[in-house]
Amino acid sequence: MTISISNSLAATSLAAANSSSNAAPAARTQQTTSAPADTVKLSESQQIHQLYNQGQKVSQIAFSLNITVEAVNSYLGIPNATG
């Protein structure tokens, strides 16, 4: 998920700098924020369902989450094969 935030003050300052023909080129500054990035923690069940819906195979999900194939099947409601 990508979130874009526009800073109207920076856009206004840049427009003013560009409209002034005698002014020296405006220095680019990058604002840093100390606020932590937004994160969401998913439960193991939610992770499994999301990965499965994205097309990953049960064995891939089990490997990436370090759990058994049987556990993944259980979360997805897939009966284990008995041979």
C-alpha atoms as a PDB file:
ATOM      1  CA  MET A   1       0.000   0.000   0.000  1.00  0.00           C
ATOM      2  CA  THR A   2       1.368   3.406  -0.920  1.00  0.00           C
ATOM      3  CA  ILE A   3       0.310   6.656   0.673  1.00  0.00           C
ATOM      4  CA  SER A   4       1.222   9.978  -0.871  1.00  0.00           C
ATOM      5  CA  ILE A   5       1.092  13.216   1.081  1.00  0.00           C
ATOM      6  CA  SER A   6       1.384  16.530  -0.668  1.00  0.00           C
ATOM      7  CA  ASN A   7       2.963  19.463   1.100  1.00  0.00           C
ATOM      8  CA  SER A   8       1.233  22.562  -0.255  1.00  0.00           C
ATOM      9  CA  LEU A   9       3.717  24.890   1.455  1.00  0.00           C
ATOM     10  CA  ALA A  10       6.649  23.323  -0.408  1.00  0.00           C
ATOM     11  CA  ALA A  11       4.726  23.464  -3.682  1.00  0.00           C
ATOM     12  CA  THR A  12       3.928  27.146  -3.119  1.00  0.00           C
ATOM     13  CA  SER A  13       7.555  27.944  -2.296  1.00  0.00           C
ATOM     14  CA  LEU A  14       8.772  26.066  -5.357  1.00  0.00           C
ATOM     15  CA  ALA A  15       6.267  27.837  -7.608  1.00  0.00           C
ATOM     16  CA  ALA A  16       7.364  31.210  -6.220  1.00  0.00           C
ATOM     17  CA  ALA A  17      11.023  30.352  -6.772  1.00  0.00           C
ATOM     18  CA  ASN A  18      10.352  29.229 -10.340  1.00  0.00           C
ATOM     19  CA  SER A  19       8.386  32.383 -11.185  1.00  0.00           C
ATOM     20  CA  SER A  20      11.215  34.691 -10.165  1.00  0.00           C
ATOM     21  CA  SER A  21      13.527  34.948 -13.194  1.00  0.00           C
ATOM     22  CA  ASN A  22      16.351  36.839 -11.396  1.00  0.00           C
ATOM     23  CA  ALA A  23      16.439  34.558  -8.365  1.00  0.00           C
ATOM     24  CA  ALA A  24      19.108  31.921  -7.943  1.00  0.00           C
ATOM     25  CA  PRO A  25      17.941  28.316  -8.286  1.00  0.00           C
ATOM     26  CA  ALA A  26      16.196  27.152  -5.141  1.00  0.00           C
ATOM     27  CA  ALA A  27      18.095  24.589  -3.114  1.00  0.00           C
ATOM     28  CA  ARG A  28      16.283  21.312  -2.729  1.00  0.00           C
ATOM     29  CA  THR A  29      15.671  20.329   0.840  1.00  0.00           C
ATOM     30  CA  GLN A  30      14.290  17.092   2.088  1.00  0.00           C
ATOM     31  CA  GLN A  31      12.229  17.130   5.208  1.00  0.00           C
ATOM     32  CA  THR A  32      12.722  14.275   7.590  1.00  0.00           C
ATOM     33  CA  THR A  33      10.088  13.209  10.025  1.00  0.00           C
ATOM     34  CA  SER A  34      10.622  11.462  13.290  1.00  0.00           C
ATOM     35  CA  ALA A  35       7.190   9.850  13.205  1.00  0.00           C
ATOM     36  CA  PRO A  36       7.315   6.069  12.792  1.00  0.00           C
ATOM     37  CA  ALA A  37       5.947   4.518   9.616  1.00  0.00           C
ATOM     38  CA  ASP A  38       2.453   3.110   9.804  1.00  0.00           C
ATOM     39  CA  THR A  39       2.571  -0.635  10.262  1.00  0.00           C
ATOM     40  CA  VAL A  40      -0.019  -3.333  10.685  1.00  0.00           C
ATOM     41  CA  LYS A  41       0.692  -6.632  12.397  1.00  0.00           C
ATOM     42  CA  LEU A  42      -1.164  -9.561  10.931  1.00  0.00           C
ATOM     43  CA  SER A  43      -1.856 -12.738  12.832  1.00  0.00           C
ATOM     44  CA  GLU A  44      -0.392 -15.945  11.483  1.00  0.00           C
ATOM     45  CA  SER A  45      -3.816 -16.925  10.176  1.00  0.00           C
ATOM     46  CA  GLN A  46      -4.226 -13.598   8.370  1.00  0.00           C
ATOM     47  CA  GLN A  47      -0.741 -13.873   6.868  1.00  0.00           C
ATOM     48  CA  ILE A  48      -1.498 -17.368   5.591  1.00  0.00           C
ATOM     49  CA  HIS A  49      -4.783 -16.323   4.021  1.00  0.00           C
ATOM     50  CA  GLN A  50      -3.228 -13.244   2.425  1.00  0.00           C
ATOM     51  CA  LEU A  51      -0.310 -15.190   0.943  1.00  0.00           C
ATOM     52  CA  TYR A  52      -2.649 -17.929  -0.305  1.00  0.00           C
ATOM     53  CA  ASN A  53      -4.949 -15.367  -1.928  1.00  0.00           C
ATOM     54  CA  GLN A  54      -1.897 -13.830  -3.619  1.00  0.00           C
ATOM     55  CA  GLY A  55      -1.269 -17.176  -5.297  1.00  0.00           C
ATOM     56  CA  GLN A  56       1.466 -18.708  -3.177  1.00  0.00           C
ATOM     57  CA  LYS A  57       1.475 -22.469  -2.794  1.00  0.00           C
ATOM     58  CA  VAL A  58       0.907 -24.060   0.594  1.00  0.00           C
ATOM     59  CA  SER A  59       4.496 -25.322   0.703  1.00  0.00           C
ATOM     60  CA  GLN A  60       5.832 -21.823  -0.046  1.00  0.00           C
ATOM     61  CA  ILE A  61       3.708 -20.322   2.732  1.00  0.00           C
ATOM     62  CA  ALA A  62       4.850 -22.983   5.189  1.00  0.00           C
ATOM     63  CA  PHE A  63       8.487 -22.356   4.316  1.00  0.00           C
ATOM     64  CA  SER A  64       8.275 -18.558   4.503  1.00  0.00           C
ATOM     65  CA  LEU A  65       6.466 -18.596   7.872  1.00  0.00           C
ATOM     66  CA  ASN A  66       8.583 -21.462   9.229  1.00  0.00           C
ATOM     67  CA  ILE A  67       5.585 -23.674  10.008  1.00  0.00           C
ATOM     68  CA  THR A  68       4.444 -27.074   8.766  1.00  0.00           C
ATOM     69  CA  VAL A  69       2.401 -27.680   5.637  1.00  0.00           C
ATOM     70  CA  GLU A  70      -0.188 -29.351   7.873  1.00  0.00           C
ATOM     71  CA  ALA A  71      -0.524 -26.155   9.915  1.00  0.00           C
ATOM     72  CA  VAL A  72      -1.067 -24.079   6.756  1.00  0.00           C
ATOM     73  CA  ASN A  73      -3.652 -26.583   5.517  1.00  0.00           C
ATOM     74  CA  SER A  74      -5.401 -26.389   8.876  1.00  0.00           C
ATOM     75  CA  TYR A  75      -5.633 -22.582   8.741  1.00  0.00           C
ATOM     76  CA  LEU A  76      -6.981 -22.766   5.190  1.00  0.00           C
ATOM     77  CA  GLY A  77      -9.428 -25.565   5.971  1.00  0.00           C
ATOM     78  CA  ILE A  78      -7.749 -27.936   3.525  1.00  0.00           C
ATOM     79  CA  PRO A  79      -7.957 -31.562   4.670  1.00  0.00           C
ATOM     80  CA  ASN A  80      -4.587 -33.270   4.996  1.00  0.00           C
ATOM     81  CA  ALA A  81      -3.958 -36.014   2.461  1.00  0.00           C
ATOM     82  CA  THR A  82      -3.868 -39.451   3.993  1.00  0.00           C
ATOM     83  CA  GLY A  83      -2.086 -41.955   1.893  1.00  0.00           C
END
